[in-house]
PDB file of N, CA and C in Angstrom:
ATOM      1  N   MET A   1      14.830   0.087 -15.457  1.00  0.00           N
ATOM      2  CA  MET A   1      14.677  -1.108 -14.722  1.00  0.00           C
ATOM      3  C   MET A   1      14.857  -0.600 -13.266  1.00  0.00           C
ATOM      4  N   VAL A   2      13.865  -0.849 -12.416  1.00  0.00           N
ATOM      5  CA  VAL A   2      13.870  -0.540 -10.983  1.00  0.00           C
ATOM      6  C   VAL A   2      14.695  -1.791 -10.176  1.00  0.00           C
ATOM      7  N   THR A   3      15.771  -1.470  -9.645  1.00  0.00           N
ATOM      8  CA  THR A   3      16.538  -2.174  -8.952  1.00  0.00           C
ATOM      9  C   THR A   3      16.477  -2.350  -7.168  1.00  0.00           C
ATOM     10  N   LYS A   4      15.606  -1.242  -6.917  1.00  0.00           N
ATOM     11  CA  LYS A   4      15.612  -1.030  -5.349  1.00  0.00           C
ATOM     12  C   LYS A   4      14.202  -0.398  -5.077  1.00  0.00           C
ATOM     13  N   ALA A   5      13.679  -0.777  -3.849  1.00  0.00           N
ATOM     14  CA  ALA A   5      12.408  -0.182  -3.600  1.00  0.00           C
ATOM     15  C   ALA A   5      12.143  -0.256  -2.148  1.00  0.00           C
ATOM     16  N   PRO A   6      11.560   0.534  -1.482  1.00  0.00           N
ATOM     17  CA  PRO A   6      11.117   0.524   0.123  1.00  0.00           C
ATOM     18  C   PRO A   6      10.064  -0.474   0.216  1.00  0.00           C
ATOM     19  N   LEU A   7      10.169  -1.235   1.468  1.00  0.00           N
ATOM     20  CA  LEU A   7       9.312  -2.151   1.850  1.00  0.00           C
ATOM     21  C   LEU A   7       8.880  -1.398   3.074  1.00  0.00           C
ATOM     22  N   VAL A   8       7.483  -1.437   3.355  1.00  0.00           N
ATOM     23  CA  VAL A   8       6.898  -0.889   4.447  1.00  0.00           C
ATOM     24  C   VAL A   8       5.826  -1.770   4.939  1.00  0.00           C
ATOM     25  N   GLN A   9       5.979  -2.392   6.202  1.00  0.00           N
ATOM     26  CA  GLN A   9       5.174  -3.404   6.560  1.00  0.00           C
ATOM     27  C   GLN A   9       4.187  -2.555   7.756  1.00  0.00           C
ATOM     28  N   LEU A  10       2.841  -2.864   7.532  1.00  0.00           N
ATOM     29  CA  LEU A  10       1.944  -2.290   8.462  1.00  0.00           C
ATOM     30  C   LEU A  10       1.182  -3.561   9.111  1.00  0.00           C
ATOM     31  N   GLU A  11       0.898  -3.494  10.326  1.00  0.00           N
ATOM     32  CA  GLU A  11       0.398  -4.565  10.963  1.00  0.00           C
ATOM     33  C   GLU A  11      -0.853  -4.019  11.655  1.00  0.00           C
ATOM     34  N   ALA A  12      -2.003  -4.271  11.371  1.00  0.00           N
ATOM     35  CA  ALA A  12      -3.313  -3.705  11.865  1.00  0.00           C
ATOM     36  C   ALA A  12      -3.611  -4.176  13.218  1.00  0.00           C
ATOM     37  N   LYS A  13      -4.091  -3.399  14.148  1.00  0.00           N
ATOM     38  CA  LYS A  13      -4.538  -3.799  15.350  1.00  0.00           C
ATOM     39  C   LYS A  13      -5.806  -4.961  15.230  1.00  0.00           C
ATOM     40  N   PRO A  14      -6.080  -5.623  16.018  1.00  0.00           N
ATOM     41  CA  PRO A  14      -7.116  -6.548  15.933  1.00  0.00           C
ATOM     42  C   PRO A  14      -8.470  -5.910  15.851  1.00  0.00           C
ATOM     43  N   GLY A  15      -9.049  -6.088  14.579  1.00  0.00           N
ATOM     44  CA  GLY A  15     -10.457  -5.442  14.254  1.00  0.00           C
ATOM     45  C   GLY A  15     -10.357  -4.307  13.338  1.00  0.00           C
ATOM     46  N   LYS A  16      -9.142  -3.771  13.165  1.00  0.00           N
ATOM     47  CA  LYS A  16      -8.869  -2.890  12.272  1.00  0.00           C
ATOM     48  C   LYS A  16      -8.220  -3.093  10.917  1.00  0.00           C
ATOM     49  N   GLU A  17      -8.267  -4.461  10.543  1.00  0.00           N
ATOM     50  CA  GLU A  17      -7.739  -4.916   9.303  1.00  0.00           C
ATOM     51  C   GLU A  17      -8.381  -3.972   8.070  1.00  0.00           C
ATOM     52  N   ASP A  18      -9.680  -4.009   8.148  1.00  0.00           N
ATOM     53  CA  ASP A  18     -10.497  -3.340   6.941  1.00  0.00           C
ATOM     54  C   ASP A  18     -10.117  -1.950   6.897  1.00  0.00           C
ATOM     55  N   ALA A  19      -9.825  -1.230   8.049  1.00  0.00           N
ATOM     56  CA  ALA A  19      -9.445   0.127   7.928  1.00  0.00           C
ATOM     57  C   ALA A  19      -8.208   0.423   7.359  1.00  0.00           C
ATOM     58  N   VAL A  20      -7.249  -0.484   7.648  1.00  0.00           N
ATOM     59  CA  VAL A  20      -5.867  -0.314   6.882  1.00  0.00           C
ATOM     60  C   VAL A  20      -6.078  -0.833   5.607  1.00  0.00           C
ATOM     61  N   GLU A  21      -6.826  -1.732   5.126  1.00  0.00           N
ATOM     62  CA  GLU A  21      -7.088  -2.075   3.761  1.00  0.00           C
ATOM     63  C   GLU A  21      -7.673  -0.660   3.064  1.00  0.00           C
ATOM     64  N   ASP A  22      -8.777  -0.130   3.717  1.00  0.00           N
ATOM     65  CA  ASP A  22      -9.334   1.031   3.093  1.00  0.00           C
ATOM     66  C   ASP A  22      -8.381   2.087   2.769  1.00  0.00           C
ATOM     67  N   PHE A  23      -7.577   2.458   3.920  1.00  0.00           N
ATOM     68  CA  PHE A  23      -6.563   3.449   3.712  1.00  0.00           C
ATOM     69  C   PHE A  23      -5.547   3.186   2.736  1.00  0.00           C
ATOM     70  N   LEU A  24      -5.200   2.025   2.285  1.00  0.00           N
ATOM     71  CA  LEU A  24      -4.022   1.811   1.243  1.00  0.00           C
ATOM     72  C   LEU A  24      -4.686   1.885  -0.137  1.00  0.00           C
ATOM     73  N   ARG A  25      -6.208   1.559  -0.205  1.00  0.00           N
ATOM     74  CA  ARG A  25      -6.938   1.727  -1.289  1.00  0.00           C
ATOM     75  C   ARG A  25      -7.195   3.206  -1.617  1.00  0.00           C
ATOM     76  N   SER A  26      -7.346   3.847  -0.777  1.00  0.00           N
ATOM     77  CA  SER A  26      -7.631   5.288  -0.855  1.00  0.00           C
ATOM     78  C   SER A  26      -6.430   6.145  -1.319  1.00  0.00           C
ATOM     79  N   ALA A  27      -5.203   5.581  -0.961  1.00  0.00           N
ATOM     80  CA  ALA A  27      -3.926   6.171  -1.669  1.00  0.00           C
ATOM     81  C   ALA A  27      -3.604   5.826  -3.096  1.00  0.00           C
ATOM     82  N   LEU A  28      -4.156   4.767  -3.620  1.00  0.00           N
ATOM     83  CA  LEU A  28      -3.979   4.452  -4.851  1.00  0.00           C
ATOM     84  C   LEU A  28      -4.097   5.676  -5.970  1.00  0.00           C
ATOM     85  N   PRO A  29      -5.017   6.150  -5.767  1.00  0.00           N
ATOM     86  CA  PRO A  29      -5.328   7.416  -6.869  1.00  0.00           C
ATOM     87  C   PRO A  29      -4.279   8.468  -6.864  1.00  0.00           C
ATOM     88  N   LEU A  30      -3.884   8.844  -5.670  1.00  0.00           N
ATOM     89  CA  LEU A  30      -2.738   9.603  -5.180  1.00  0.00           C
ATOM     90  C   LEU A  30      -1.468   9.396  -6.109  1.00  0.00           C
ATOM     91  N   VAL A  31      -1.263   7.925  -5.724  1.00  0.00           N
ATOM     92  CA  VAL A  31       0.167   7.476  -6.226  1.00  0.00           C
ATOM     93  C   VAL A  31      -0.222   7.446  -7.853  1.00  0.00           C
ATOM     94  N   GLU A  32      -1.278   6.962  -8.532  1.00  0.00           N
ATOM     95  CA  GLU A  32      -1.431   7.024  -9.871  1.00  0.00           C
ATOM     96  C   GLU A  32      -1.136   8.329 -10.571  1.00  0.00           C
ATOM     97  N   ARG A  33      -1.450   9.464  -9.843  1.00  0.00           N
ATOM     98  CA  ARG A  33      -1.439  10.810 -10.254  1.00  0.00           C
ATOM     99  C   ARG A  33       0.019  11.379 -10.216  1.00  0.00           C
ATOM    100  N   GLU A  34       0.681  10.660  -9.516  1.00  0.00           N
ATOM    101  CA  GLU A  34       2.227  11.069  -9.322  1.00  0.00           C
ATOM    102  C   GLU A  34       2.987  10.838 -10.476  1.00  0.00           C
ATOM    103  N   PRO A  35       3.575  11.787 -11.222  1.00  0.00           N
ATOM    104  CA  PRO A  35       4.430  11.457 -12.361  1.00  0.00           C
ATOM    105  C   PRO A  35       5.672  10.678 -11.950  1.00  0.00           C
ATOM    106  N   GLY A  36       6.095   9.690 -12.903  1.00  0.00           N
ATOM    107  CA  GLY A  36       7.136   9.021 -12.496  1.00  0.00           C
ATOM    108  C   GLY A  36       7.091   7.954 -11.474  1.00  0.00           C
ATOM    109  N   THR A  37       5.840   7.800 -10.982  1.00  0.00           N
ATOM    110  CA  THR A  37       5.670   6.616  -9.864  1.00  0.00           C
ATOM    111  C   THR A  37       6.164   5.278 -10.325  1.00  0.00           C
ATOM    112  N   ARG A  38       6.909   4.414  -9.826  1.00  0.00           N
ATOM    113  CA  ARG A  38       7.118   2.985 -10.170  1.00  0.00           C
ATOM    114  C   ARG A  38       5.956   2.270  -9.907  1.00  0.00           C
ATOM    115  N   PRO A  39       6.155   0.937 -10.012  1.00  0.00           N
ATOM    116  CA  PRO A  39       5.108   0.067  -9.505  1.00  0.00           C
ATOM    117  C   PRO A  39       4.825   0.236  -8.060  1.00  0.00           C
ATOM    118  N   TRP A  40       3.633   0.290  -7.572  1.00  0.00           N
ATOM    119  CA  TRP A  40       3.252   0.411  -6.241  1.00  0.00           C
ATOM    120  C   TRP A  40       2.406  -0.594  -5.849  1.00  0.00           C
ATOM    121  N   LEU A  41       2.678  -1.385  -4.848  1.00  0.00           N
ATOM    122  CA  LEU A  41       1.849  -2.881  -4.426  1.00  0.00           C
ATOM    123  C   LEU A  41       1.498  -2.366  -3.161  1.00  0.00           C
ATOM    124  N   ALA A  42       0.226  -3.088  -2.874  1.00  0.00           N
ATOM    125  CA  ALA A  42      -0.046  -3.412  -1.306  1.00  0.00           C
ATOM    126  C   ALA A  42      -0.705  -4.821  -1.394  1.00  0.00           C
ATOM    127  N   VAL A  43      -0.002  -5.614  -0.436  1.00  0.00           N
ATOM    128  CA  VAL A  43      -0.591  -6.891  -0.223  1.00  0.00           C
ATOM    129  C   VAL A  43      -0.950  -7.150   1.089  1.00  0.00           C
ATOM    130  N   ARG A  44      -2.071  -8.128   0.969  1.00  0.00           N
ATOM    131  CA  ARG A  44      -2.641  -8.267   2.484  1.00  0.00           C
ATOM    132  C   ARG A  44      -2.373  -9.853   2.719  1.00  0.00           C
ATOM    133  N   PHE A  45      -1.767 -10.022   3.819  1.00  0.00           N
ATOM    134  CA  PHE A  45      -1.690 -11.347   4.265  1.00  0.00           C
ATOM    135  C   PHE A  45      -2.401 -11.562   5.649  1.00  0.00           C
ATOM    136  N   GLY A  46      -3.312 -12.467   5.697  1.00  0.00           N
ATOM    137  CA  GLY A  46      -4.082 -12.766   6.930  1.00  0.00           C
ATOM    138  C   GLY A  46      -5.439 -11.969   6.815  1.00  0.00           C
ATOM    139  N   PRO A  47      -6.228 -12.169   7.980  1.00  0.00           N
ATOM    140  CA  PRO A  47      -7.601 -11.612   7.964  1.00  0.00           C
ATOM    141  C   PRO A  47      -7.643 -10.185   7.605  1.00  0.00           C
TER     142      PRO A  47
END
């Protein structure tokens, strides 16, 4: 059972919101290939 996890908050500059989303989506395959990786989540709040 996971009891601790890091929280990283990214705030995109105006007009760069989609670029940040694309960056996080591109990281998902790397995370999925890493053995033993616990749940990995990205959440978008706002535009």
